[in-house]
């Protein structure tokens, strides 16, 4: 059972946030020579470094805010790393195939399906 603050709207908002991040990296990936797995691994590390640098510079005295933003960054970076690992193994945790070059789009499709079906 999710905490009481996790309403349908809140969960959908988090999923929209993740989808927006995947849409952004899908656009960035289309212009690279890297495999999708390499791109996801590289992007996850760069995202964490970039956010840490921006937070330290812009909000040096705001530990709570920085921690929250860093938490969202970790969430997204770990999603990327998990997808890279699924590409490596060739399947997700439900034994569905995950193909390099099509994995990000698969995630976007699944997020869209989940948003359409998910109910608290």
N, C-alpha and C. Protein backbone atom coordinates (compact mmCIF):
# COMPACT_ATOMS: atom_id res chain seq x y z
N UNK A 1 0.86 -1.17 0.00
CA UNK A 1 0.00 0.00 0.00
C UNK A 1 0.90 1.23 0.00
N UNK A 2 0.73 2.12 -0.97
CA UNK A 2 1.56 3.32 -1.03
C UNK A 2 1.21 4.31 0.08
N UNK A 3 2.16 5.19 0.42
CA UNK A 3 1.84 6.23 1.40
C UNK A 3 0.62 7.03 0.97
N UNK A 4 -0.07 7.64 1.90
CA UNK A 4 -1.32 8.34 1.60
C UNK A 4 -1.15 9.47 0.60
N UNK A 5 0.03 10.06 0.50
CA UNK A 5 0.27 11.15 -0.46
C UNK A 5 0.43 10.68 -1.89
N UNK A 6 0.49 9.36 -2.08
CA UNK A 6 0.67 8.82 -3.42
C UNK A 6 -0.69 8.62 -4.08
N UNK A 7 -1.26 9.69 -4.55
CA UNK A 7 -2.55 9.62 -5.24
C UNK A 7 -2.32 9.16 -6.68
N UNK A 8 -3.40 8.88 -7.36
CA UNK A 8 -3.32 8.51 -8.78
C UNK A 8 -2.61 9.62 -9.56
N UNK A 9 -2.97 10.86 -9.26
CA UNK A 9 -2.38 12.00 -9.96
C UNK A 9 -0.87 12.08 -9.69
N UNK A 10 -0.46 11.81 -8.45
CA UNK A 10 0.96 11.86 -8.09
C UNK A 10 1.75 10.79 -8.83
N UNK A 11 1.24 9.56 -8.84
CA UNK A 11 1.92 8.47 -9.54
C UNK A 11 1.98 8.76 -11.03
N UNK A 12 0.87 9.22 -11.61
CA UNK A 12 0.86 9.55 -13.03
C UNK A 12 1.87 10.66 -13.33
N UNK A 13 2.00 11.62 -12.43
CA UNK A 13 2.97 12.70 -12.61
C UNK A 13 4.39 12.17 -12.63
N UNK A 14 4.71 11.23 -11.76
CA UNK A 14 6.04 10.62 -11.74
C UNK A 14 6.28 9.86 -13.04
N UNK A 15 5.28 9.12 -13.50
CA UNK A 15 5.43 8.39 -14.76
C UNK A 15 5.57 9.35 -15.94
N UNK A 16 4.87 10.47 -15.92
CA UNK A 16 5.03 11.48 -16.97
C UNK A 16 6.45 12.05 -16.96
N UNK A 17 6.98 12.25 -15.76
CA UNK A 17 8.35 12.75 -15.60
C UNK A 17 9.34 11.76 -16.22
N UNK A 18 9.18 10.48 -15.92
CA UNK A 18 10.06 9.45 -16.47
C UNK A 18 9.90 9.39 -17.99
N UNK A 19 8.67 9.43 -18.47
CA UNK A 19 8.44 9.38 -19.92
C UNK A 19 9.13 10.56 -20.61
N UNK A 20 9.02 11.76 -20.05
CA UNK A 20 9.66 12.93 -20.64
C UNK A 20 11.17 12.75 -20.72
N UNK A 21 11.75 12.13 -19.70
CA UNK A 21 13.19 11.87 -19.71
C UNK A 21 13.55 10.87 -20.80
N UNK A 22 12.76 9.81 -20.94
CA UNK A 22 13.02 8.83 -22.01
C UNK A 22 12.83 9.45 -23.39
N UNK A 23 11.85 10.32 -23.55
CA UNK A 23 11.65 10.98 -24.84
C UNK A 23 12.86 11.85 -25.19
N UNK A 24 13.40 12.52 -24.18
CA UNK A 24 14.56 13.37 -24.39
C UNK A 24 15.78 12.54 -24.80
N UNK A 25 16.02 11.43 -24.09
CA UNK A 25 17.20 10.64 -24.45
C UNK A 25 17.00 9.89 -25.76
N UNK A 26 15.76 9.59 -26.12
CA UNK A 26 15.51 8.96 -27.42
C UNK A 26 15.95 9.90 -28.53
N UNK A 27 15.65 11.18 -28.39
CA UNK A 27 16.08 12.17 -29.37
C UNK A 27 17.60 12.29 -29.40
N UNK A 28 18.22 12.31 -28.23
CA UNK A 28 19.68 12.41 -28.16
C UNK A 28 20.35 11.17 -28.73
N UNK A 29 19.78 10.00 -28.48
CA UNK A 29 20.37 8.75 -28.96
C UNK A 29 20.36 8.68 -30.48
N UNK A 30 19.34 9.22 -31.12
CA UNK A 30 19.23 9.12 -32.57
C UNK A 30 20.41 9.79 -33.29
N UNK A 31 21.14 10.65 -32.61
CA UNK A 31 22.26 11.34 -33.24
C UNK A 31 23.63 10.80 -32.84
N UNK A 32 23.69 9.57 -32.30
CA UNK A 32 24.98 9.03 -31.85
C UNK A 32 25.37 7.79 -32.64
N UNK A 33 26.64 7.44 -32.50
CA UNK A 33 27.14 6.20 -33.10
C UNK A 33 27.26 5.09 -32.06
N UNK A 34 26.86 5.37 -30.82
CA UNK A 34 26.94 4.38 -29.76
C UNK A 34 25.81 3.36 -29.86
N UNK A 35 26.03 2.19 -29.28
CA UNK A 35 24.92 1.27 -29.13
C UNK A 35 23.98 1.87 -28.10
N UNK A 36 22.75 1.41 -28.09
CA UNK A 36 21.79 1.94 -27.12
C UNK A 36 22.26 1.65 -25.69
N UNK A 37 22.80 0.47 -25.47
CA UNK A 37 23.30 0.10 -24.14
C UNK A 37 24.43 1.04 -23.71
N UNK A 38 25.39 1.29 -24.59
CA UNK A 38 26.50 2.20 -24.26
C UNK A 38 25.97 3.61 -23.99
N UNK A 39 25.04 4.05 -24.82
CA UNK A 39 24.46 5.38 -24.65
C UNK A 39 23.76 5.52 -23.30
N UNK A 40 22.97 4.52 -22.91
CA UNK A 40 22.26 4.57 -21.63
C UNK A 40 23.24 4.60 -20.45
N UNK A 41 24.28 3.78 -20.52
CA UNK A 41 25.27 3.76 -19.44
C UNK A 41 25.99 5.10 -19.33
N UNK A 42 26.38 5.66 -20.47
CA UNK A 42 27.06 6.95 -20.50
C UNK A 42 26.13 8.06 -19.99
N UNK A 43 24.91 8.07 -20.45
CA UNK A 43 23.94 9.11 -20.10
C UNK A 43 23.62 9.09 -18.61
N UNK A 44 23.50 7.91 -18.02
CA UNK A 44 23.16 7.85 -16.59
C UNK A 44 24.24 8.50 -15.75
N UNK A 45 25.50 8.22 -16.04
CA UNK A 45 26.58 8.83 -15.29
C UNK A 45 26.68 10.33 -15.50
N UNK A 46 26.52 10.76 -16.75
CA UNK A 46 26.56 12.19 -17.06
C UNK A 46 25.44 12.95 -16.37
N UNK A 47 24.26 12.35 -16.34
CA UNK A 47 23.11 12.99 -15.69
C UNK A 47 23.41 13.24 -14.22
N UNK A 48 23.91 12.24 -13.53
CA UNK A 48 24.22 12.39 -12.10
C UNK A 48 25.27 13.46 -11.86
N UNK A 49 26.34 13.48 -12.67
CA UNK A 49 27.39 14.49 -12.51
C UNK A 49 26.86 15.89 -12.78
N UNK A 50 26.07 16.02 -13.83
CA UNK A 50 25.55 17.33 -14.21
C UNK A 50 24.63 17.88 -13.13
N UNK A 51 23.72 17.07 -12.63
CA UNK A 51 22.79 17.53 -11.61
C UNK A 51 23.53 17.89 -10.32
N UNK A 52 24.49 17.07 -9.92
CA UNK A 52 25.26 17.38 -8.71
C UNK A 52 25.97 18.72 -8.82
N UNK A 53 26.56 18.96 -9.99
CA UNK A 53 27.27 20.21 -10.20
C UNK A 53 26.34 21.42 -10.16
N UNK A 54 25.20 21.30 -10.80
CA UNK A 54 24.23 22.40 -10.83
C UNK A 54 23.69 22.67 -9.42
N UNK A 55 23.38 21.62 -8.69
CA UNK A 55 22.84 21.81 -7.34
C UNK A 55 23.84 22.49 -6.43
N UNK A 56 25.09 22.06 -6.47
CA UNK A 56 26.11 22.66 -5.62
C UNK A 56 26.31 24.13 -5.96
N UNK A 57 26.23 24.46 -7.23
CA UNK A 57 26.43 25.84 -7.67
C UNK A 57 25.22 26.74 -7.37
N UNK A 58 24.04 26.26 -7.67
CA UNK A 58 22.85 27.10 -7.57
C UNK A 58 22.19 27.11 -6.20
N UNK A 59 22.27 25.99 -5.48
CA UNK A 59 21.60 25.88 -4.19
C UNK A 59 22.58 25.37 -3.13
N UNK A 60 23.68 26.10 -2.87
CA UNK A 60 24.72 25.57 -1.98
C UNK A 60 24.25 25.35 -0.54
N UNK A 61 23.24 26.03 -0.09
CA UNK A 61 22.81 25.92 1.31
C UNK A 61 21.46 25.23 1.47
N UNK A 62 21.05 24.49 0.49
CA UNK A 62 19.74 23.87 0.54
C UNK A 62 19.86 22.35 0.48
N UNK A 63 20.28 21.75 1.58
CA UNK A 63 20.51 20.31 1.63
C UNK A 63 19.25 19.50 1.34
N UNK A 64 18.12 19.90 1.89
CA UNK A 64 16.89 19.13 1.67
C UNK A 64 16.46 19.18 0.22
N UNK A 65 16.44 20.38 -0.36
CA UNK A 65 16.07 20.52 -1.76
C UNK A 65 17.02 19.72 -2.64
N UNK A 66 18.32 19.87 -2.39
CA UNK A 66 19.31 19.15 -3.17
C UNK A 66 19.14 17.65 -3.04
N UNK A 67 18.83 17.19 -1.84
CA UNK A 67 18.61 15.76 -1.62
C UNK A 67 17.41 15.25 -2.40
N UNK A 68 16.35 16.03 -2.44
CA UNK A 68 15.17 15.64 -3.18
C UNK A 68 15.43 15.58 -4.68
N UNK A 69 16.10 16.60 -5.19
CA UNK A 69 16.41 16.63 -6.62
C UNK A 69 17.39 15.50 -6.95
N UNK A 70 18.35 15.29 -6.06
CA UNK A 70 19.30 14.19 -6.29
C UNK A 70 18.57 12.85 -6.27
N UNK A 71 17.55 12.73 -5.44
CA UNK A 71 16.76 11.50 -5.40
C UNK A 71 16.05 11.25 -6.72
N UNK A 72 15.45 12.29 -7.30
CA UNK A 72 14.83 12.14 -8.63
C UNK A 72 15.86 11.78 -9.69
N UNK A 73 17.03 12.39 -9.59
CA UNK A 73 18.10 12.10 -10.55
C UNK A 73 18.53 10.64 -10.43
N UNK A 74 18.69 10.16 -9.21
CA UNK A 74 19.06 8.77 -8.99
C UNK A 74 17.99 7.85 -9.57
N UNK A 75 16.73 8.19 -9.36
CA UNK A 75 15.63 7.39 -9.89
C UNK A 75 15.74 7.25 -11.40
N UNK A 76 15.93 8.36 -12.10
CA UNK A 76 16.01 8.33 -13.56
C UNK A 76 17.28 7.61 -14.02
N UNK A 77 18.43 7.93 -13.39
CA UNK A 77 19.68 7.29 -13.78
C UNK A 77 19.61 5.77 -13.60
N UNK A 78 18.99 5.33 -12.52
CA UNK A 78 18.85 3.90 -12.28
C UNK A 78 17.90 3.26 -13.29
N UNK A 79 16.88 3.98 -13.73
CA UNK A 79 16.01 3.47 -14.81
C UNK A 79 16.85 3.22 -16.06
N UNK A 80 17.74 4.17 -16.40
CA UNK A 80 18.60 4.03 -17.56
C UNK A 80 19.53 2.83 -17.39
N UNK A 81 20.13 2.71 -16.21
CA UNK A 81 21.05 1.59 -15.96
C UNK A 81 20.32 0.26 -16.01
N UNK A 82 19.13 0.21 -15.45
CA UNK A 82 18.34 -1.02 -15.51
C UNK A 82 18.04 -1.41 -16.96
N UNK A 83 17.69 -0.43 -17.77
CA UNK A 83 17.40 -0.72 -19.17
C UNK A 83 18.66 -1.19 -19.90
N UNK A 84 19.80 -0.58 -19.59
CA UNK A 84 21.07 -1.03 -20.19
C UNK A 84 21.35 -2.48 -19.80
N UNK A 85 21.09 -2.83 -18.55
CA UNK A 85 21.30 -4.21 -18.09
C UNK A 85 20.33 -5.17 -18.80
N UNK A 86 19.10 -4.74 -19.00
CA UNK A 86 18.13 -5.56 -19.72
C UNK A 86 18.59 -5.79 -21.16
N UNK A 87 19.18 -4.79 -21.77
CA UNK A 87 19.72 -4.97 -23.12
C UNK A 87 20.82 -6.02 -23.08
N UNK A 88 21.68 -5.92 -22.08
CA UNK A 88 22.79 -6.87 -21.94
C UNK A 88 22.30 -8.31 -21.80
N UNK A 89 21.25 -8.51 -21.00
CA UNK A 89 20.72 -9.86 -20.81
C UNK A 89 19.74 -10.27 -21.91
N UNK A 90 19.23 -9.29 -22.65
CA UNK A 90 18.33 -9.58 -23.75
C UNK A 90 16.87 -9.74 -23.36
N UNK A 91 16.58 -9.48 -22.07
CA UNK A 91 15.19 -9.58 -21.63
C UNK A 91 14.99 -8.77 -20.35
N UNK A 92 13.71 -8.43 -20.09
CA UNK A 92 13.39 -7.73 -18.85
C UNK A 92 13.02 -8.75 -17.78
N UNK A 93 12.61 -8.26 -16.62
CA UNK A 93 12.32 -9.18 -15.50
C UNK A 93 11.10 -10.06 -15.75
N UNK A 94 10.32 -9.73 -16.77
CA UNK A 94 9.16 -10.55 -17.13
C UNK A 94 9.47 -11.45 -18.32
N UNK A 95 10.75 -11.58 -18.66
CA UNK A 95 11.24 -12.39 -19.77
C UNK A 95 10.78 -11.90 -21.15
N UNK A 96 10.40 -10.62 -21.23
CA UNK A 96 10.07 -10.03 -22.53
C UNK A 96 11.40 -9.64 -23.20
N UNK A 97 11.52 -9.80 -24.51
CA UNK A 97 12.77 -9.46 -25.19
C UNK A 97 13.07 -7.96 -25.13
N UNK A 98 14.34 -7.64 -24.94
CA UNK A 98 14.82 -6.26 -24.96
C UNK A 98 15.96 -6.21 -25.98
N UNK A 99 15.75 -5.46 -27.03
CA UNK A 99 16.66 -5.44 -28.17
C UNK A 99 17.39 -4.10 -28.23
N UNK A 100 18.72 -4.18 -28.34
CA UNK A 100 19.52 -2.97 -28.46
C UNK A 100 19.09 -2.20 -29.71
N UNK A 101 18.82 -0.92 -29.53
CA UNK A 101 18.33 -0.08 -30.61
C UNK A 101 16.83 0.12 -30.59
N UNK A 102 16.14 -0.71 -29.79
CA UNK A 102 14.68 -0.59 -29.69
C UNK A 102 14.21 -0.53 -28.24
N UNK A 103 15.15 -0.53 -27.31
CA UNK A 103 14.80 -0.61 -25.89
C UNK A 103 14.16 0.67 -25.36
N UNK A 104 14.67 1.83 -25.74
CA UNK A 104 14.10 3.08 -25.24
C UNK A 104 12.66 3.22 -25.72
N UNK A 105 12.42 2.90 -26.99
CA UNK A 105 11.06 2.99 -27.51
C UNK A 105 10.15 1.98 -26.80
N UNK A 106 10.67 0.81 -26.49
CA UNK A 106 9.90 -0.20 -25.75
C UNK A 106 9.49 0.37 -24.38
N UNK A 107 10.42 1.04 -23.71
CA UNK A 107 10.11 1.66 -22.41
C UNK A 107 9.02 2.70 -22.57
N UNK A 108 9.13 3.54 -23.57
CA UNK A 108 8.12 4.57 -23.80
C UNK A 108 6.75 3.95 -24.04
N UNK A 109 6.70 2.89 -24.83
CA UNK A 109 5.43 2.21 -25.08
C UNK A 109 4.86 1.62 -23.80
N UNK A 110 5.72 1.02 -22.99
CA UNK A 110 5.25 0.41 -21.75
C UNK A 110 4.77 1.45 -20.75
N UNK A 111 5.46 2.59 -20.69
CA UNK A 111 5.01 3.67 -19.79
C UNK A 111 3.64 4.16 -20.22
N UNK A 112 3.45 4.34 -21.53
CA UNK A 112 2.15 4.78 -22.04
C UNK A 112 1.06 3.77 -21.72
N UNK A 113 1.35 2.48 -21.91
CA UNK A 113 0.38 1.43 -21.56
C UNK A 113 0.08 1.44 -20.08
N UNK A 114 1.11 1.59 -19.27
CA UNK A 114 0.94 1.57 -17.82
C UNK A 114 0.09 2.75 -17.36
N UNK A 115 0.37 3.92 -17.92
CA UNK A 115 -0.41 5.10 -17.56
C UNK A 115 -1.89 4.90 -17.89
N UNK A 116 -2.14 4.22 -18.99
CA UNK A 116 -3.53 3.99 -19.40
C UNK A 116 -4.26 2.99 -18.52
N UNK A 117 -3.54 2.06 -17.92
CA UNK A 117 -4.15 0.98 -17.17
C UNK A 117 -4.04 1.12 -15.64
N UNK A 118 -3.03 1.85 -15.17
CA UNK A 118 -2.72 1.88 -13.74
C UNK A 118 -3.82 2.60 -12.95
N UNK A 119 -4.27 1.95 -11.92
CA UNK A 119 -5.25 2.53 -10.99
C UNK A 119 -4.86 2.20 -9.57
N UNK A 120 -4.93 3.18 -8.71
CA UNK A 120 -4.66 2.95 -7.28
C UNK A 120 -5.87 2.36 -6.62
